[in-house]
Amino acid sequence: MYELIERINEAADVKKFKVEELDQLAVEIREALFNRLTKIGGHFGPNFGMVEAEIAMHYVFHSPVDQFALAYPIRAIRIRS
């Protein structure tokens, strides 16, 4: 169901994606958030608004060595670390 998300075992795996795949990763993360939030409730806006930013931070910086604040979408990436 989440082909790209399933390829992430640790935060550093985000760097293994081709730049062209990052948009699809954002789509998958949004879909996973939507599916989860429609079942358990929660606020969509803040989570949806940070997806690309969180992906970019992992792609550019040396996560998890470089530290930055956690938002929910990052958990889809970091939870496997």
C-alpha atoms as a PDB file:
ATOM      1  CA  MET A   1       0.000   0.000   0.000  1.00  0.00           C
ATOM      2  CA  TYR A   2       2.794   2.405   0.917  1.00  0.00           C
ATOM      3  CA  GLU A   3       5.585   1.271  -1.382  1.00  0.00           C
ATOM      4  CA  LEU A   4       8.022   4.078  -0.593  1.00  0.00           C
ATOM      5  CA  ILE A   5       7.278   4.322   3.134  1.00  0.00           C
ATOM      6  CA  GLU A   6       7.906   0.588   3.436  1.00  0.00           C
ATOM      7  CA  ARG A   7      11.432   1.105   2.056  1.00  0.00           C
ATOM      8  CA  ILE A   8      12.295   3.264   5.067  1.00  0.00           C
ATOM      9  CA  ASN A   9      13.903   1.341   7.912  1.00  0.00           C
ATOM     10  CA  GLU A  10      15.782   4.283   9.400  1.00  0.00           C
ATOM     11  CA  ALA A  11      15.815   8.035   8.893  1.00  0.00           C
ATOM     12  CA  ALA A  12      18.924   7.918   6.698  1.00  0.00           C
ATOM     13  CA  ASP A  13      17.013   5.825   4.136  1.00  0.00           C
ATOM     14  CA  VAL A  14      15.286   8.979   2.892  1.00  0.00           C
ATOM     15  CA  LYS A  15      18.579   9.949   1.212  1.00  0.00           C
ATOM     16  CA  LYS A  16      18.394   6.761  -0.884  1.00  0.00           C
ATOM     17  CA  PHE A  17      15.331   7.987  -2.773  1.00  0.00           C
ATOM     18  CA  LYS A  18      15.690   9.665  -6.141  1.00  0.00           C
ATOM     19  CA  VAL A  19      14.612  13.304  -6.096  1.00  0.00           C
ATOM     20  CA  GLU A  20      11.754  12.344  -8.422  1.00  0.00           C
ATOM     21  CA  GLU A  21      10.413   9.914  -5.788  1.00  0.00           C
ATOM     22  CA  LEU A  22      10.137  12.502  -3.024  1.00  0.00           C
ATOM     23  CA  ASP A  23       6.811  13.877  -4.282  1.00  0.00           C
ATOM     24  CA  GLN A  24       5.334  10.369  -4.233  1.00  0.00           C
ATOM     25  CA  LEU A  25       6.719   9.842  -0.725  1.00  0.00           C
ATOM     26  CA  ALA A  26       4.880  12.997   0.358  1.00  0.00           C
ATOM     27  CA  VAL A  27       1.676  11.658  -1.222  1.00  0.00           C
ATOM     28  CA  GLU A  28       2.060   8.362   0.661  1.00  0.00           C
ATOM     29  CA  ILE A  29       2.717  10.094   3.971  1.00  0.00           C
ATOM     30  CA  ARG A  30      -0.337  12.321   3.507  1.00  0.00           C
ATOM     31  CA  GLU A  31      -2.461   9.290   2.638  1.00  0.00           C
ATOM     32  CA  ALA A  32      -1.189   7.413   5.708  1.00  0.00           C
ATOM     33  CA  LEU A  33      -1.926  10.444   7.892  1.00  0.00           C
ATOM     34  CA  PHE A  34      -5.384  10.825   6.410  1.00  0.00           C
ATOM     35  CA  ASN A  35      -6.198   7.129   6.931  1.00  0.00           C
ATOM     36  CA  ARG A  36      -4.956   7.241  10.512  1.00  0.00           C
ATOM     37  CA  LEU A  37      -6.626  10.524  11.428  1.00  0.00           C
ATOM     38  CA  THR A  38      -9.993   9.497   9.981  1.00  0.00           C
ATOM     39  CA  LYS A  39      -9.950   6.457  12.268  1.00  0.00           C
ATOM     40  CA  ILE A  40      -8.690   8.015  15.496  1.00  0.00           C
ATOM     41  CA  GLY A  41      -9.377  11.716  14.981  1.00  0.00           C
ATOM     42  CA  GLY A  42      -6.999  14.627  15.168  1.00  0.00           C
ATOM     43  CA  HIS A  43      -5.976  17.813  13.417  1.00  0.00           C
ATOM     44  CA  PHE A  44      -5.063  17.530   9.747  1.00  0.00           C
ATOM     45  CA  GLY A  45      -3.687  20.978   8.915  1.00  0.00           C
ATOM     46  CA  PRO A  46      -0.418  21.122  10.845  1.00  0.00           C
ATOM     47  CA  ASN A  47       0.549  17.587   9.845  1.00  0.00           C
ATOM     48  CA  PHE A  48      -0.290  17.980   6.175  1.00  0.00           C
ATOM     49  CA  GLY A  49       1.499  21.324   5.969  1.00  0.00           C
ATOM     50  CA  MET A  50       4.844  19.980   7.147  1.00  0.00           C
ATOM     51  CA  VAL A  51       5.203  16.817   5.061  1.00  0.00           C
ATOM     52  CA  GLU A  52       7.525  18.226   2.375  1.00  0.00           C
ATOM     53  CA  ALA A  53       9.520  20.195   4.937  1.00  0.00           C
ATOM     54  CA  GLU A  54      10.126  17.087   7.040  1.00  0.00           C
ATOM     55  CA  ILE A  55      11.151  15.039   3.999  1.00  0.00           C
ATOM     56  CA  ALA A  56      13.492  17.827   2.870  1.00  0.00           C
ATOM     57  CA  MET A  57      15.140  18.040   6.299  1.00  0.00           C
ATOM     58  CA  HIS A  58      15.888  14.304   6.253  1.00  0.00           C
ATOM     59  CA  TYR A  59      17.072  14.478   2.667  1.00  0.00           C
ATOM     60  CA  VAL A  60      19.411  17.441   3.188  1.00  0.00           C
ATOM     61  CA  PHE A  61      20.664  16.970   6.737  1.00  0.00           C
ATOM     62  CA  HIS A  62      22.300  13.934   8.342  1.00  0.00           C
ATOM     63  CA  SER A  63      19.334  12.571  10.214  1.00  0.00           C
ATOM     64  CA  PRO A  64      19.250  11.415  12.963  1.00  0.00           C
ATOM     65  CA  VAL A  65      22.681  12.881  13.821  1.00  0.00           C
ATOM     66  CA  ASP A  66      21.512  16.434  13.045  1.00  0.00           C
ATOM     67  CA  GLN A  67      18.760  17.228  15.516  1.00  0.00           C
ATOM     68  CA  PHE A  68      15.568  19.130  14.725  1.00  0.00           C
ATOM     69  CA  ALA A  69      12.107  19.438  16.251  1.00  0.00           C
ATOM     70  CA  LEU A  70       9.700  16.553  15.756  1.00  0.00           C
ATOM     71  CA  ALA A  71       6.360  16.915  14.045  1.00  0.00           C
ATOM     72  CA  TYR A  72       4.016  14.007  13.354  1.00  0.00           C
ATOM     73  CA  PRO A  73       4.942  13.294   9.686  1.00  0.00           C
ATOM     74  CA  ILE A  74       8.527  12.774  10.734  1.00  0.00           C
ATOM     75  CA  ARG A  75       7.377   9.791  12.770  1.00  0.00           C
ATOM     76  CA  ALA A  76       6.622   7.859   9.588  1.00  0.00           C
ATOM     77  CA  ILE A  77      10.296   8.270   8.768  1.00  0.00           C
ATOM     78  CA  ARG A  78      11.937   8.139  12.211  1.00  0.00           C
ATOM     79  CA  ILE A  79       9.753   5.531  13.924  1.00  0.00           C
ATOM     80  CA  ARG A  80      11.736   2.832  12.118  1.00  0.00           C
ATOM     81  CA  SER A  81      15.103   4.129  13.368  1.00  0.00           C
END
